[in-house]
Amino acid sequence: MAHTRSAKKRIRQAEKRRLLNRYHISRMKTAIKRVEEALKNKDIETAEKLLPLAQKLAYRAAAKGAIHKNEAARRVSRIARKVSAAKKSVSA
């Protein structure tokens, strides 16, 4: 256990940051899962509506420092590709 005041403060700060990071990552993952679930159920229209929110939450998590900006870009790219591919398979 920490003894100095500064070490105790750092523990408090780290815990606050950890909880905020978990919050942003959890919201992002949930939004992405909802898009994937819609695609799995062949509900492309819903997936298209949910995609902008998933993108927004991924980029916000990166902006807040919860994830790296390249991770956010990668996640957005993958989910957008899935939606686009599903859209093409229906129209074809």
N, C-alpha and C. Protein backbone atom coordinates (compact mmCIF):
# COMPACT_ATOMS: atom_id res chain seq x y z
N MET A 1 0.84 -1.19 0.00
CA MET A 1 0.00 0.00 0.00
C MET A 1 0.88 1.25 0.00
N ALA A 2 0.39 2.28 -0.66
CA ALA A 2 1.14 3.52 -0.76
C ALA A 2 1.21 4.23 0.59
N HIS A 3 2.32 4.90 0.83
CA HIS A 3 2.50 5.60 2.10
C HIS A 3 2.45 7.11 1.92
N THR A 4 3.05 7.62 0.86
CA THR A 4 3.12 9.07 0.69
C THR A 4 1.80 9.63 0.16
N ARG A 5 1.59 10.90 0.44
CA ARG A 5 0.36 11.55 -0.04
C ARG A 5 0.28 11.52 -1.56
N SER A 6 1.42 11.77 -2.21
CA SER A 6 1.42 11.81 -3.68
C SER A 6 1.10 10.44 -4.27
N ALA A 7 1.61 9.37 -3.64
CA ALA A 7 1.33 8.03 -4.14
C ALA A 7 -0.14 7.68 -3.97
N LYS A 8 -0.72 8.10 -2.85
CA LYS A 8 -2.15 7.85 -2.61
C LYS A 8 -3.00 8.61 -3.63
N LYS A 9 -2.57 9.83 -3.93
CA LYS A 9 -3.30 10.63 -4.92
C LYS A 9 -3.20 9.98 -6.30
N ARG A 10 -2.02 9.48 -6.66
CA ARG A 10 -1.85 8.83 -7.96
C ARG A 10 -2.76 7.59 -8.07
N ILE A 11 -2.93 6.88 -6.96
CA ILE A 11 -3.82 5.72 -6.96
C ILE A 11 -5.26 6.16 -7.23
N ARG A 12 -5.67 7.25 -6.59
CA ARG A 12 -7.03 7.77 -6.81
C ARG A 12 -7.21 8.20 -8.26
N GLN A 13 -6.21 8.90 -8.80
CA GLN A 13 -6.29 9.37 -10.19
C GLN A 13 -6.34 8.19 -11.16
N ALA A 14 -5.50 7.20 -10.91
CA ALA A 14 -5.45 6.04 -11.80
C ALA A 14 -6.79 5.31 -11.82
N GLU A 15 -7.42 5.20 -10.67
CA GLU A 15 -8.71 4.52 -10.60
C GLU A 15 -9.78 5.29 -11.37
N LYS A 16 -9.77 6.62 -11.26
CA LYS A 16 -10.73 7.44 -12.01
C LYS A 16 -10.52 7.26 -13.51
N ARG A 17 -9.26 7.30 -13.93
CA ARG A 17 -8.95 7.14 -15.36
C ARG A 17 -9.37 5.76 -15.85
N ARG A 18 -9.10 4.73 -15.03
CA ARG A 18 -9.44 3.36 -15.41
C ARG A 18 -10.95 3.23 -15.64
N LEU A 19 -11.74 3.80 -14.74
CA LEU A 19 -13.19 3.73 -14.87
C LEU A 19 -13.69 4.48 -16.10
N LEU A 20 -13.11 5.67 -16.36
CA LEU A 20 -13.50 6.43 -17.53
C LEU A 20 -13.13 5.68 -18.82
N ASN A 21 -11.94 5.09 -18.83
CA ASN A 21 -11.52 4.33 -20.01
C ASN A 21 -12.45 3.15 -20.24
N ARG A 22 -12.80 2.45 -19.17
CA ARG A 22 -13.71 1.31 -19.29
C ARG A 22 -15.06 1.76 -19.85
N TYR A 23 -15.53 2.92 -19.39
CA TYR A 23 -16.80 3.46 -19.85
C TYR A 23 -16.78 3.71 -21.36
N HIS A 24 -15.74 4.38 -21.83
CA HIS A 24 -15.66 4.70 -23.26
C HIS A 24 -15.49 3.44 -24.10
N ILE A 25 -14.66 2.52 -23.66
CA ILE A 25 -14.42 1.29 -24.42
C ILE A 25 -15.68 0.44 -24.44
N SER A 26 -16.38 0.35 -23.33
CA SER A 26 -17.59 -0.46 -23.24
C SER A 26 -18.68 0.08 -24.17
N ARG A 27 -18.87 1.40 -24.17
CA ARG A 27 -19.88 2.00 -25.06
C ARG A 27 -19.54 1.73 -26.52
N MET A 28 -18.26 1.85 -26.86
CA MET A 28 -17.82 1.62 -28.23
C MET A 28 -18.08 0.17 -28.64
N LYS A 29 -17.66 -0.77 -27.80
CA LYS A 29 -17.83 -2.18 -28.12
C LYS A 29 -19.30 -2.56 -28.25
N THR A 30 -20.14 -2.01 -27.38
CA THR A 30 -21.58 -2.29 -27.44
C THR A 30 -22.17 -1.79 -28.75
N ALA A 31 -21.79 -0.60 -29.16
CA ALA A 31 -22.31 -0.03 -30.41
C ALA A 31 -21.88 -0.89 -31.60
N ILE A 32 -20.63 -1.35 -31.59
CA ILE A 32 -20.13 -2.18 -32.68
C ILE A 32 -20.86 -3.53 -32.70
N LYS A 33 -21.09 -4.09 -31.51
CA LYS A 33 -21.81 -5.37 -31.42
C LYS A 33 -23.24 -5.24 -31.94
N ARG A 34 -23.86 -4.09 -31.69
CA ARG A 34 -25.23 -3.88 -32.19
C ARG A 34 -25.26 -3.86 -33.71
N VAL A 35 -24.26 -3.24 -34.32
CA VAL A 35 -24.18 -3.21 -35.79
C VAL A 35 -23.98 -4.63 -36.30
N GLU A 36 -23.06 -5.38 -35.68
CA GLU A 36 -22.78 -6.75 -36.11
C GLU A 36 -24.00 -7.65 -35.92
N GLU A 37 -24.73 -7.44 -34.83
CA GLU A 37 -25.95 -8.23 -34.58
C GLU A 37 -26.99 -7.95 -35.66
N ALA A 38 -27.14 -6.67 -36.04
CA ALA A 38 -28.08 -6.32 -37.10
C ALA A 38 -27.68 -6.99 -38.41
N LEU A 39 -26.38 -7.02 -38.70
CA LEU A 39 -25.90 -7.67 -39.93
C LEU A 39 -26.15 -9.18 -39.87
N LYS A 40 -25.94 -9.76 -38.70
CA LYS A 40 -26.16 -11.19 -38.52
C LYS A 40 -27.63 -11.55 -38.76
N ASN A 41 -28.52 -10.64 -38.36
CA ASN A 41 -29.96 -10.86 -38.55
C ASN A 41 -30.45 -10.38 -39.92
N LYS A 42 -29.51 -10.05 -40.79
CA LYS A 42 -29.81 -9.59 -42.16
C LYS A 42 -30.64 -8.31 -42.17
N ASP A 43 -30.49 -7.50 -41.14
CA ASP A 43 -31.20 -6.23 -41.04
C ASP A 43 -30.23 -5.10 -41.40
N ILE A 44 -30.00 -4.96 -42.69
CA ILE A 44 -28.99 -4.03 -43.19
C ILE A 44 -29.38 -2.57 -42.94
N GLU A 45 -30.67 -2.30 -43.03
CA GLU A 45 -31.14 -0.93 -42.82
C GLU A 45 -30.81 -0.45 -41.39
N THR A 46 -31.05 -1.31 -40.42
CA THR A 46 -30.72 -0.97 -39.03
C THR A 46 -29.22 -0.83 -38.85
N ALA A 47 -28.46 -1.72 -39.47
CA ALA A 47 -27.00 -1.67 -39.37
C ALA A 47 -26.48 -0.34 -39.92
N GLU A 48 -27.05 0.11 -41.02
CA GLU A 48 -26.64 1.39 -41.61
C GLU A 48 -26.96 2.56 -40.68
N LYS A 49 -28.08 2.47 -39.96
CA LYS A 49 -28.45 3.54 -39.03
C LYS A 49 -27.55 3.55 -37.80
N LEU A 50 -27.13 2.36 -37.37
CA LEU A 50 -26.30 2.25 -36.16
C LEU A 50 -24.82 2.53 -36.43
N LEU A 51 -24.41 2.41 -37.68
CA LEU A 51 -22.99 2.58 -38.02
C LEU A 51 -22.43 3.96 -37.63
N PRO A 52 -23.10 5.07 -37.91
CA PRO A 52 -22.53 6.37 -37.53
C PRO A 52 -22.30 6.52 -36.03
N LEU A 53 -23.19 5.95 -35.22
CA LEU A 53 -23.01 6.02 -33.77
C LEU A 53 -21.79 5.21 -33.35
N ALA A 54 -21.62 4.02 -33.94
CA ALA A 54 -20.46 3.19 -33.61
C ALA A 54 -19.17 3.92 -33.99
N GLN A 55 -19.17 4.56 -35.15
CA GLN A 55 -17.99 5.32 -35.58
C GLN A 55 -17.71 6.46 -34.60
N LYS A 56 -18.73 7.19 -34.24
CA LYS A 56 -18.59 8.32 -33.34
C LYS A 56 -18.00 7.88 -32.00
N LEU A 57 -18.52 6.78 -31.46
CA LEU A 57 -18.05 6.32 -30.15
C LEU A 57 -16.63 5.80 -30.22
N ALA A 58 -16.25 5.18 -31.34
CA ALA A 58 -14.89 4.67 -31.50
C ALA A 58 -13.91 5.85 -31.55
N TYR A 59 -14.23 6.86 -32.34
CA TYR A 59 -13.34 8.02 -32.45
C TYR A 59 -13.30 8.82 -31.15
N ARG A 60 -14.41 8.85 -30.43
CA ARG A 60 -14.43 9.56 -29.15
C ARG A 60 -13.55 8.83 -28.12
N ALA A 61 -13.61 7.49 -28.12
CA ALA A 61 -12.76 6.72 -27.20
C ALA A 61 -11.29 7.01 -27.49
N ALA A 62 -10.96 7.15 -28.77
CA ALA A 62 -9.58 7.47 -29.14
C ALA A 62 -9.22 8.89 -28.71
N ALA A 63 -10.14 9.81 -28.89
CA ALA A 63 -9.88 11.20 -28.52
C ALA A 63 -9.67 11.34 -27.01
N LYS A 64 -10.38 10.52 -26.24
CA LYS A 64 -10.26 10.57 -24.79
C LYS A 64 -9.04 9.79 -24.29
N GLY A 65 -8.37 9.08 -25.20
CA GLY A 65 -7.17 8.35 -24.81
C GLY A 65 -7.42 6.95 -24.30
N ALA A 66 -8.66 6.48 -24.39
CA ALA A 66 -8.99 5.14 -23.91
C ALA A 66 -8.39 4.07 -24.84
N ILE A 67 -8.36 4.38 -26.14
CA ILE A 67 -7.73 3.49 -27.13
C ILE A 67 -6.87 4.35 -28.05
N HIS A 68 -6.03 3.70 -28.82
CA HIS A 68 -5.17 4.41 -29.77
C HIS A 68 -6.01 4.81 -30.98
N LYS A 69 -5.64 5.92 -31.62
CA LYS A 69 -6.42 6.40 -32.77
C LYS A 69 -6.40 5.39 -33.92
N ASN A 70 -5.31 4.65 -34.07
CA ASN A 70 -5.27 3.64 -35.14
C ASN A 70 -6.20 2.48 -34.83
N GLU A 71 -6.36 2.15 -33.56
CA GLU A 71 -7.30 1.08 -33.19
C GLU A 71 -8.73 1.50 -33.52
N ALA A 72 -9.05 2.76 -33.25
CA ALA A 72 -10.38 3.27 -33.57
C ALA A 72 -10.60 3.22 -35.07
N ALA A 73 -9.61 3.66 -35.83
CA ALA A 73 -9.72 3.66 -37.30
C ALA A 73 -9.89 2.23 -37.82
N ARG A 74 -9.15 1.30 -37.25
CA ARG A 74 -9.23 -0.10 -37.68
C ARG A 74 -10.61 -0.68 -37.39
N ARG A 75 -11.13 -0.42 -36.20
CA ARG A 75 -12.45 -0.94 -35.84
C ARG A 75 -13.54 -0.36 -36.73
N VAL A 76 -13.46 0.95 -36.98
CA VAL A 76 -14.44 1.62 -37.84
C VAL A 76 -14.36 1.07 -39.25
N SER A 77 -13.15 0.90 -39.75
CA SER A 77 -12.95 0.39 -41.10
C SER A 77 -13.54 -1.00 -41.26
N ARG A 78 -13.30 -1.87 -40.29
CA ARG A 78 -13.79 -3.24 -40.37
C ARG A 78 -15.31 -3.30 -40.36
N ILE A 79 -15.92 -2.53 -39.46
CA ILE A 79 -17.38 -2.58 -39.35
C ILE A 79 -18.03 -1.93 -40.58
N ALA A 80 -17.42 -0.87 -41.10
CA ALA A 80 -17.96 -0.21 -42.30
C ALA A 80 -17.85 -1.14 -43.51
N ARG A 81 -16.74 -1.88 -43.57
CA ARG A 81 -16.56 -2.84 -44.67
C ARG A 81 -17.62 -3.92 -44.62
N LYS A 82 -17.94 -4.40 -43.41
CA LYS A 82 -18.96 -5.44 -43.26
C LYS A 82 -20.33 -4.93 -43.71
N VAL A 83 -20.66 -3.70 -43.31
CA VAL A 83 -21.95 -3.11 -43.70
C VAL A 83 -22.00 -2.93 -45.21
N SER A 84 -20.91 -2.44 -45.78
CA SER A 84 -20.87 -2.22 -47.22
C SER A 84 -21.00 -3.54 -47.99
N ALA A 85 -20.32 -4.58 -47.52
CA ALA A 85 -20.38 -5.88 -48.18
C ALA A 85 -21.79 -6.46 -48.09
N ALA A 86 -22.44 -6.29 -46.95
CA ALA A 86 -23.80 -6.79 -46.77
C ALA A 86 -24.76 -6.06 -47.70
N LYS A 87 -24.53 -4.75 -47.84
CA LYS A 87 -25.37 -3.93 -48.72
C LYS A 87 -25.25 -4.38 -50.17
N LYS A 88 -23.98 -4.66 -50.57
CA LYS A 88 -23.75 -5.10 -51.95
C LYS A 88 -24.34 -6.46 -52.22
N SER A 89 -24.29 -7.37 -51.23
CA SER A 89 -24.80 -8.72 -51.45
C SER A 89 -26.31 -8.71 -51.58
N VAL A 90 -27.00 -7.76 -50.93
CA VAL A 90 -28.44 -7.67 -51.04
C VAL A 90 -28.84 -7.09 -52.39
N SER A 91 -28.13 -6.04 -52.83
CA SER A 91 -28.49 -5.38 -54.08
C SER A 91 -28.10 -6.20 -55.30
N ALA A 92 -27.14 -7.10 -55.13
CA ALA A 92 -26.68 -7.90 -56.27
C ALA A 92 -27.58 -9.07 -56.56
